[in-house]
Amino acid sequence: MRSMDVAERRARVGVRHRLALAERTDDVRAIARSLVVLHATDPATVFLSVAARGRSLEPGHVEKALYEDRTLLRMLAMRRTMFVAPIELVPALQASCADALAHKQRKTYGRYLENAEGVGGDVSAWLSEVEAETHQALLTRGTATGAQLSKLVPRLRTQVDTAPGKSYSKPTSITTWVLVILGAEGRIVRGRPNGSWSSSQYTWAPIESWLPNGIPSLTAEQARAELVRKWLYAFGPAPESDIKWWTGWTLGEVRKTLARLDTAEVDLGGETGLILADDLDPVPAPDPWVALLPALDPTPMGWQSRDWYLGEHGPALFDRNGNVGPTIWCDGRIVGGWAQRTDGEIVWRLLEDIGSEAESHVAAEAARLTTWYGEVRPIPRFRTPLERELTA
């Protein structure tokens, strides 16, 4: 069994994740492909993840890729998490993750609708009618917010009490439910938000505005194999448990998918990792590099087993639910954290000694981030201990 030590894994991170200076690019789509998908739970993460891997990119370049060129698309996928994906990967994400999510959400919301006033009869058929009306309204209008759609489709204003008889009961309309189902089914997509690039007040558009013929169909098995193949190239070698965690699939689904791929086992220093069988050649270590990655960046969130790049810094940089805050990286390992203060200043703290030259590069990256942010002041969705300390 071939051995791959921590140094080799860190070299792969620098090269494959475009964090080493020589690997950075101004091709937004290429950056997204390098990471399989970009985390998008926090809208700012998408832009800041691209910024860290670009050369002279600005927020407008990311907006152009998303909303004008439409080479990227925002969608729910693994672990019911929001991602921005290269358009060619959308069919695999749809068949491997989103279809199952749509089915689950439809069942959940359908149970609540059974007792809603004005629904009655065949709840599934009623919900399908409302979805079809909403999709048609978007096809006619082009784009719309949820509030605008609820005026065009009156049944979206149907009120549902999800906690009848409880003190915290608060009836709500089904607008968001229907939009979530349609989005998960791949019939509508989140378009340009109202506000800055860090806003989450999205407009909605029909999928036909991105893909005129809709999302091409794949079998779940084909889709899972394609997704895991791309993940192994970007994040491998890694143990089977990391694949299970990242995809959110059952262990059985992961193992059936791996059986469709030509993989090899490698020794990760007492733990067995998997890698594509044609990807065993060493990746030359890049020149020394540093990077400032945002909260929920795909690199630190790419593995469940994190000791080899995180060390003992987890308590300062992750919240209690496993969400990572802004991190400083040096040659493939996390060495500190950073934050943006309300006046726009980028402040940072190293948690280990990296030498004066690397520290000067951290300062340069912080200055570059200051320019990228401009007047935008997004607050991370998930606050972590060090980020809170730096902004106190």
Protein backbone atom coordinates (compact mmCIF):
# COMPACT_ATOMS: atom_id res chain seq x y z
CA MET A 1 0.00 0.00 0.00
CA ARG A 2 1.38 3.40 -1.00
CA SER A 3 1.92 5.83 1.87
CA MET A 4 0.84 9.47 1.70
CA ASP A 5 2.06 11.56 4.60
CA VAL A 6 0.66 14.84 5.89
CA ALA A 7 3.16 16.88 3.86
CA GLU A 8 1.90 15.33 0.61
CA ARG A 9 -1.74 15.91 1.55
CA ARG A 10 -0.97 19.55 2.35
CA ALA A 11 0.82 19.97 -0.98
CA ARG A 12 -2.31 18.71 -2.74
CA VAL A 13 -4.41 21.27 -0.89
CA GLY A 14 -2.17 24.11 -2.03
CA VAL A 15 -2.23 22.98 -5.66
CA ARG A 16 -5.66 21.40 -6.15
CA HIS A 17 -7.53 24.06 -4.15
CA ARG A 18 -5.71 26.90 -5.93
CA LEU A 19 -4.36 28.39 -2.71
CA ALA A 20 -0.68 28.43 -3.71
CA LEU A 21 0.13 31.64 -5.55
CA ALA A 22 1.12 29.92 -8.79
CA GLU A 23 -2.23 28.08 -8.94
CA ARG A 24 -4.48 31.11 -8.50
CA THR A 25 -6.58 32.22 -11.44
CA ASP A 26 -9.09 34.84 -12.52
CA ASP A 27 -11.38 32.17 -13.99
CA VAL A 28 -14.27 32.05 -11.50
CA ARG A 29 -15.71 28.86 -12.96
CA ALA A 30 -12.32 27.13 -12.73
CA ILE A 31 -12.07 28.05 -9.06
CA ALA A 32 -15.47 26.51 -8.37
CA ARG A 33 -14.52 23.36 -10.29
CA SER A 34 -11.33 23.04 -8.23
CA LEU A 35 -13.41 22.70 -5.08
CA VAL A 36 -16.23 20.66 -6.69
CA VAL A 37 -18.73 23.21 -5.30
CA LEU A 38 -18.59 26.44 -3.29
CA HIS A 39 -20.33 26.60 0.08
CA ALA A 40 -23.15 29.14 -0.10
CA THR A 41 -25.05 28.92 3.21
CA ASP A 42 -23.55 32.34 3.89
CA PRO A 43 -23.73 34.32 0.61
CA ALA A 44 -20.47 36.13 1.37
CA THR A 45 -18.57 32.83 1.50
CA VAL A 46 -18.95 32.30 -2.24
CA PHE A 47 -17.34 35.63 -3.05
CA LEU A 48 -14.61 35.45 -0.42
CA SER A 49 -13.68 31.87 -1.36
CA VAL A 50 -13.18 33.07 -4.92
CA ALA A 51 -11.26 36.12 -3.73
CA ALA A 52 -8.77 33.96 -1.84
CA ARG A 53 -7.99 31.97 -5.00
CA GLY A 54 -8.04 34.79 -7.54
CA ARG A 55 -5.41 37.19 -8.77
CA SER A 56 -7.16 40.41 -9.73
CA LEU A 57 -10.80 39.41 -9.39
CA GLU A 58 -13.49 41.70 -7.97
CA PRO A 59 -16.99 40.87 -6.68
CA GLY A 60 -18.46 41.89 -10.03
CA HIS A 61 -16.65 39.03 -11.73
CA VAL A 62 -18.39 36.50 -9.49
CA GLU A 63 -21.75 38.18 -10.07
CA LYS A 64 -21.14 38.02 -13.82
CA ALA A 65 -20.43 34.27 -13.67
CA LEU A 66 -23.58 33.71 -11.57
CA TYR A 67 -26.15 36.01 -13.12
CA GLU A 68 -24.98 36.99 -16.61
CA ASP A 69 -22.81 34.19 -18.01
CA ARG A 70 -24.74 31.74 -15.80
CA THR A 71 -21.89 29.27 -15.68
CA LEU A 72 -22.59 28.79 -11.96
CA LEU A 73 -25.85 27.97 -10.22
CA ARG A 74 -26.93 28.14 -6.57
CA MET A 75 -28.78 25.07 -5.26
CA LEU A 76 -29.46 22.87 -2.24
CA ALA A 77 -27.51 19.63 -2.35
CA MET A 78 -25.37 17.60 0.08
CA ARG A 79 -26.60 17.61 3.69
CA ARG A 80 -29.41 19.99 2.71
CA THR A 81 -26.74 22.67 2.41
CA MET A 82 -26.67 25.53 -0.07
CA PHE A 83 -23.90 25.41 -2.68
CA VAL A 84 -22.86 27.23 -5.82
CA ALA A 85 -22.00 24.67 -8.49
CA PRO A 86 -20.51 24.73 -11.99
CA ILE A 87 -23.43 24.36 -14.36
CA GLU A 88 -22.15 21.07 -15.81
CA LEU A 89 -22.21 19.45 -12.34
CA VAL A 90 -25.85 20.36 -11.69
CA PRO A 91 -27.31 17.12 -13.18
CA ALA A 92 -25.13 15.01 -10.85
CA LEU A 93 -26.05 17.10 -7.80
CA GLN A 94 -29.72 16.95 -8.74
CA ALA A 95 -29.89 13.17 -9.13
CA SER A 96 -27.54 12.29 -6.26
CA CYS A 97 -28.84 14.70 -3.61
CA ALA A 98 -31.54 17.21 -4.55
CA ASP A 99 -34.17 14.74 -5.80
CA ALA A 100 -34.17 12.90 -2.48
CA LEU A 101 -34.31 16.19 -0.62
CA ALA A 102 -37.31 17.36 -2.67
CA HIS A 103 -39.15 14.11 -1.91
CA LYS A 104 -38.46 14.47 1.81
CA GLN A 105 -39.54 18.12 1.92
CA ARG A 106 -42.74 17.37 0.01
CA LYS A 107 -43.70 14.68 2.54
CA THR A 108 -42.92 16.94 5.50
CA TYR A 109 -44.86 19.91 4.20
CA GLY A 110 -47.70 17.69 3.01
CA ARG A 111 -48.33 16.49 6.57
CA TYR A 112 -48.74 20.07 7.76
CA LEU A 113 -51.06 20.88 4.86
CA GLU A 114 -53.48 18.09 5.74
CA ASN A 115 -55.14 20.29 8.36
CA ALA A 116 -54.79 23.61 6.57
CA GLU A 117 -57.98 25.50 5.79
CA GLY A 118 -58.88 25.48 2.11
CA VAL A 119 -56.74 22.50 1.14
CA GLY A 120 -58.62 19.27 1.89
CA GLY A 121 -58.95 16.26 -0.40
CA ASP A 122 -55.80 15.13 -2.18
CA VAL A 123 -53.07 17.20 -0.54
CA SER A 124 -50.37 15.98 -2.93
CA ALA A 125 -52.41 16.97 -5.98
CA TRP A 126 -53.25 20.35 -4.44
CA LEU A 127 -49.59 21.05 -3.70
CA SER A 128 -48.57 20.00 -7.22
CA GLU A 129 -51.10 22.45 -8.66
CA VAL A 130 -49.70 25.31 -6.57
CA GLU A 131 -46.16 24.40 -7.63
CA ALA A 132 -47.17 24.36 -11.30
CA GLU A 133 -48.88 27.76 -10.97
CA THR A 134 -45.79 29.20 -9.29
CA HIS A 135 -43.45 27.84 -11.93
CA GLN A 136 -45.69 29.20 -14.69
CA ALA A 137 -45.80 32.61 -13.01
CA LEU A 138 -42.02 32.73 -13.08
CA LEU A 139 -41.90 31.61 -16.71
CA THR A 140 -44.25 34.48 -17.55
CA ARG A 141 -42.63 37.14 -15.37
CA GLY A 142 -38.97 36.09 -15.65
CA THR A 143 -37.87 36.81 -12.09
CA ALA A 144 -39.70 37.57 -8.85
CA THR A 145 -39.30 37.60 -5.10
CA GLY A 146 -41.34 35.33 -2.86
CA ALA A 147 -43.57 38.28 -1.91
CA GLN A 148 -44.22 39.11 -5.56
CA LEU A 149 -45.05 35.50 -6.35
CA SER A 150 -47.52 35.27 -3.48
CA LYS A 151 -49.49 38.08 -5.11
CA LEU A 152 -49.46 36.32 -8.48
CA VAL A 153 -50.39 32.92 -7.02
CA PRO A 154 -52.99 33.47 -4.26
CA ARG A 155 -52.75 29.93 -2.87
CA LEU A 156 -49.16 30.65 -1.84
CA ARG A 157 -50.70 32.76 0.92
CA THR A 158 -52.37 29.68 2.44
CA GLN A 159 -51.75 29.78 6.20
CA VAL A 160 -50.47 26.73 8.09
CA ASP A 161 -50.05 26.29 11.82
CA THR A 162 -47.12 23.95 12.37
CA ALA A 163 -47.53 23.86 16.16
CA PRO A 164 -51.27 24.02 16.93
CA GLY A 165 -52.08 24.58 20.59
CA LYS A 166 -48.49 25.51 21.48
CA SER A 167 -47.58 28.84 23.10
CA TYR A 168 -45.05 29.48 20.34
CA SER A 169 -47.55 28.70 17.58
CA LYS A 170 -47.39 31.17 14.70
CA PRO A 171 -49.30 30.46 11.47
CA THR A 172 -47.18 30.99 8.37
CA SER A 173 -47.82 31.09 4.64
CA ILE A 174 -46.59 28.26 2.43
CA THR A 175 -44.69 30.53 0.02
CA THR A 176 -41.25 29.52 1.26
CA TRP A 177 -42.23 25.84 1.39
CA VAL A 178 -43.29 25.80 -2.24
CA LEU A 179 -40.17 27.67 -3.35
CA VAL A 180 -37.93 25.25 -1.45
CA ILE A 181 -39.63 22.24 -3.08
CA LEU A 182 -39.44 23.76 -6.56
CA GLY A 183 -35.81 24.68 -6.01
CA ALA A 184 -34.95 21.20 -4.75
CA GLU A 185 -36.75 19.67 -7.74
CA GLY A 186 -34.63 21.80 -10.06
CA ARG A 187 -37.57 23.71 -11.53
CA ILE A 188 -36.60 27.15 -10.22
CA VAL A 189 -33.32 28.73 -9.11
CA ARG A 190 -32.17 31.55 -6.85
CA GLY A 191 -31.20 34.53 -8.97
CA ARG A 192 -29.56 37.88 -8.26
CA PRO A 193 -30.27 39.10 -4.71
CA ASN A 194 -31.64 42.47 -3.76
CA GLY A 195 -28.75 44.39 -2.21
CA SER A 196 -25.01 43.78 -2.18
CA TRP A 197 -23.11 40.58 -2.94
CA SER A 198 -23.48 39.53 0.71
CA SER A 199 -27.29 39.69 0.63
CA SER A 200 -29.53 36.63 0.92
CA GLN A 201 -32.73 38.34 -0.27
CA TYR A 202 -32.85 36.40 -3.51
CA THR A 203 -35.10 36.75 -6.47
CA TRP A 204 -36.26 33.54 -8.16
CA ALA A 205 -36.11 32.51 -11.80
CA PRO A 206 -37.26 29.44 -13.76
CA ILE A 207 -34.57 26.84 -14.41
CA GLU A 208 -35.19 27.41 -18.12
CA SER A 209 -33.39 30.76 -17.83
CA TRP A 210 -30.19 28.83 -16.96
CA LEU A 211 -30.87 25.57 -18.82
CA PRO A 212 -33.47 26.03 -21.60
CA ASN A 213 -34.33 22.31 -21.63
CA GLY A 214 -34.20 21.85 -17.87
CA ILE A 215 -31.69 19.75 -15.96
CA PRO A 216 -30.53 16.66 -17.90
CA SER A 217 -31.47 13.38 -16.23
CA LEU A 218 -29.00 10.96 -14.69
CA THR A 219 -29.58 7.86 -12.63
CA ALA A 220 -28.76 8.26 -8.95
CA GLU A 221 -25.96 5.71 -9.34
CA GLN A 222 -24.36 7.57 -12.25
CA ALA A 223 -24.70 10.87 -10.43
CA ARG A 224 -23.14 9.63 -7.19
CA ALA A 225 -20.19 8.15 -9.05
CA GLU A 226 -19.54 11.39 -10.90
CA LEU A 227 -19.74 13.44 -7.72
CA VAL A 228 -17.44 11.17 -5.69
CA ARG A 229 -14.94 11.01 -8.54
CA LYS A 230 -14.65 14.79 -8.55
CA TRP A 231 -14.46 14.90 -4.75
CA LEU A 232 -11.66 12.33 -4.62
CA TYR A 233 -9.60 14.30 -7.13
CA ALA A 234 -10.05 17.54 -5.18
CA PHE A 235 -9.98 16.21 -1.60
CA GLY A 236 -8.37 12.79 -1.79
CA PRO A 237 -6.75 10.87 -0.33
CA ALA A 238 -9.26 10.60 2.50
CA PRO A 239 -10.92 7.89 4.57
CA GLU A 240 -14.31 6.51 3.59
CA SER A 241 -15.87 8.28 6.59
CA ASP A 242 -15.00 11.67 5.09
CA ILE A 243 -16.90 10.83 1.91
CA LYS A 244 -19.91 9.73 3.94
CA TRP A 245 -19.84 12.94 5.96
CA TRP A 246 -19.37 15.27 2.97
CA THR A 247 -22.10 13.68 0.86
CA GLY A 248 -24.55 13.05 3.69
CA TRP A 249 -25.32 9.63 2.19
CA THR A 250 -25.64 6.36 4.05
CA LEU A 251 -22.57 4.16 4.38
CA GLY A 252 -24.22 1.66 2.05
CA GLU A 253 -24.73 4.29 -0.64
CA VAL A 254 -21.12 5.43 -0.31
CA ARG A 255 -19.75 1.89 -0.62
CA LYS A 256 -21.95 1.08 -3.65
CA THR A 257 -20.69 4.27 -5.28
CA LEU A 258 -17.05 3.49 -4.55
CA ALA A 259 -17.54 0.05 -6.10
CA ARG A 260 -18.31 1.80 -9.42
CA LEU A 261 -15.01 3.71 -9.31
CA ASP A 262 -11.42 2.62 -9.84
CA THR A 263 -9.85 3.58 -6.52
CA ALA A 264 -6.76 2.63 -4.56
CA GLU A 265 -6.10 2.42 -0.85
CA VAL A 266 -3.24 4.43 0.66
CA ASP A 267 -1.74 4.57 4.13
CA LEU A 268 -2.39 7.93 5.78
CA GLY A 269 -0.23 7.14 8.77
CA GLY A 270 -2.19 4.43 10.52
CA GLU A 271 -5.48 5.15 8.75
CA THR A 272 -6.55 3.88 5.34
CA GLY A 273 -7.45 6.50 2.77
CA LEU A 274 -8.95 6.27 -0.70
CA ILE A 275 -7.74 7.91 -3.86
CA LEU A 276 -8.45 7.55 -7.57
CA ALA A 277 -6.31 4.75 -8.93
CA ASP A 278 -4.82 6.98 -11.65
CA ASP A 279 -3.95 9.76 -9.17
CA LEU A 280 -1.18 8.09 -7.17
CA ASP A 281 1.72 10.17 -8.50
CA PRO A 282 3.13 12.66 -5.99
CA VAL A 283 2.02 16.28 -6.32
CA PRO A 284 5.13 18.50 -6.10
CA ALA A 285 5.00 20.85 -3.14
CA PRO A 286 4.29 24.42 -4.27
CA ASP A 287 6.32 27.42 -3.15
CA PRO A 288 5.46 28.61 0.39
CA TRP A 289 2.03 30.22 0.53
CA VAL A 290 -0.52 31.77 2.86
CA ALA A 291 -4.25 32.35 2.39
CA LEU A 292 -7.12 33.93 4.31
CA LEU A 293 -10.20 31.76 3.86
CA PRO A 294 -13.72 32.83 4.88
CA ALA A 295 -16.16 31.19 7.25
CA LEU A 296 -17.53 27.93 5.79
CA ASP A 297 -14.94 27.85 3.01
CA PRO A 298 -14.99 24.53 1.10
CA THR A 299 -11.39 23.67 2.03
CA PRO A 300 -11.68 23.47 5.85
CA MET A 301 -15.23 22.11 5.47
CA GLY A 302 -14.15 19.41 3.01
CA TRP A 303 -13.21 16.72 5.54
CA GLN A 304 -14.59 15.41 8.81
CA SER A 305 -11.15 14.15 9.91
CA ARG A 306 -9.29 17.44 10.31
CA ASP A 307 -6.32 16.91 12.62
CA TRP A 308 -3.81 16.84 9.75
CA TYR A 309 -4.52 20.46 8.81
CA LEU A 310 -6.29 21.87 11.88
CA GLY A 311 -4.11 20.67 14.73
CA GLU A 312 -5.32 21.87 18.13
CA HIS A 313 -7.00 25.04 16.85
CA GLY A 314 -10.54 23.66 16.52
CA PRO A 315 -12.03 25.16 19.72
CA ALA A 316 -11.05 28.69 18.66
CA LEU A 317 -12.07 28.42 15.01
CA PHE A 318 -15.19 26.22 14.95
CA ASP A 319 -18.56 26.76 16.61
CA ARG A 320 -20.33 24.05 18.59
CA ASN A 321 -22.14 22.77 15.50
CA GLY A 322 -18.99 22.19 13.47
CA ASN A 323 -19.08 25.37 11.38
CA VAL A 324 -15.68 26.90 10.70
CA GLY A 325 -15.01 30.62 10.99
CA PRO A 326 -12.47 32.68 9.01
CA THR A 327 -9.08 30.93 8.97
CA ILE A 328 -5.47 31.72 8.12
CA TRP A 329 -3.62 29.00 6.21
CA CYS A 330 0.10 28.50 5.74
CA ASP A 331 1.44 25.75 3.48
CA GLY A 332 -1.61 23.51 3.86
CA ARG A 333 -2.40 23.92 7.54
CA ILE A 334 -4.51 26.29 9.61
CA VAL A 335 -2.38 28.64 11.70
CA GLY A 336 -4.80 31.36 12.86
CA GLY A 337 -7.99 33.28 12.26
CA TRP A 338 -9.18 36.66 11.07
CA ALA A 339 -12.27 38.88 11.05
CA GLN A 340 -13.63 42.11 9.61
CA ARG A 341 -14.50 44.87 12.07
CA THR A 342 -17.41 47.24 11.58
CA ASP A 343 -15.08 49.95 10.28
CA GLY A 344 -13.85 47.58 7.57
CA GLU A 345 -10.47 46.78 9.12
CA ILE A 346 -9.27 43.19 8.67
CA VAL A 347 -7.83 41.99 11.96
CA TRP A 348 -6.07 38.68 12.48
CA ARG A 349 -4.33 36.52 15.03
CA LEU A 350 -1.80 33.75 14.54
CA LEU A 351 -2.15 30.73 16.80
CA GLU A 352 1.36 29.46 16.08
CA ASP A 353 4.68 30.86 14.91
CA ILE A 354 5.06 30.84 11.11
CA GLY A 355 8.07 33.12 10.78
CA SER A 356 8.36 36.78 9.84
CA GLU A 357 8.29 36.28 6.07
CA ALA A 358 5.05 34.27 6.13
CA GLU A 359 3.58 36.75 8.59
CA SER A 360 4.28 39.58 6.15
CA HIS A 361 2.36 37.62 3.50
CA VAL A 362 -0.59 37.32 5.89
CA ALA A 363 -0.59 41.11 6.25
CA ALA A 364 -0.55 41.47 2.46
CA GLU A 365 -3.50 39.09 2.09
CA ALA A 366 -5.40 41.06 4.75
CA ALA A 367 -4.81 44.26 2.80
CA ARG A 368 -6.04 42.59 -0.37
CA LEU A 369 -9.22 41.49 1.42
CA THR A 370 -9.85 45.01 2.66
CA THR A 371 -9.96 46.22 -0.95
CA TRP A 372 -12.25 43.35 -1.97
CA TYR A 373 -14.79 44.11 0.76
CA GLY A 374 -15.00 47.81 -0.07
CA GLU A 375 -17.99 49.20 1.82
CA VAL A 376 -19.62 45.80 2.39
CA ARG A 377 -19.78 44.60 6.01
CA PRO A 378 -21.23 41.07 6.12
CA ILE A 379 -21.55 39.33 9.48
CA PRO A 380 -20.77 35.59 9.40
CA ARG A 381 -23.87 33.46 9.88
CA PHE A 382 -22.09 31.32 12.46
CA ARG A 383 -19.95 33.20 14.95
CA THR A 384 -16.88 31.41 16.29
CA PRO A 385 -14.89 32.17 19.47
CA LEU A 386 -11.85 33.78 17.82
CA GLU A 387 -13.96 35.78 15.33
CA ARG A 388 -15.98 37.19 18.23
CA GLU A 389 -12.84 38.09 20.15
CA LEU A 390 -11.30 39.88 17.19
CA THR A 391 -14.41 41.99 16.58
CA ALA A 392 -15.24 42.76 20.24
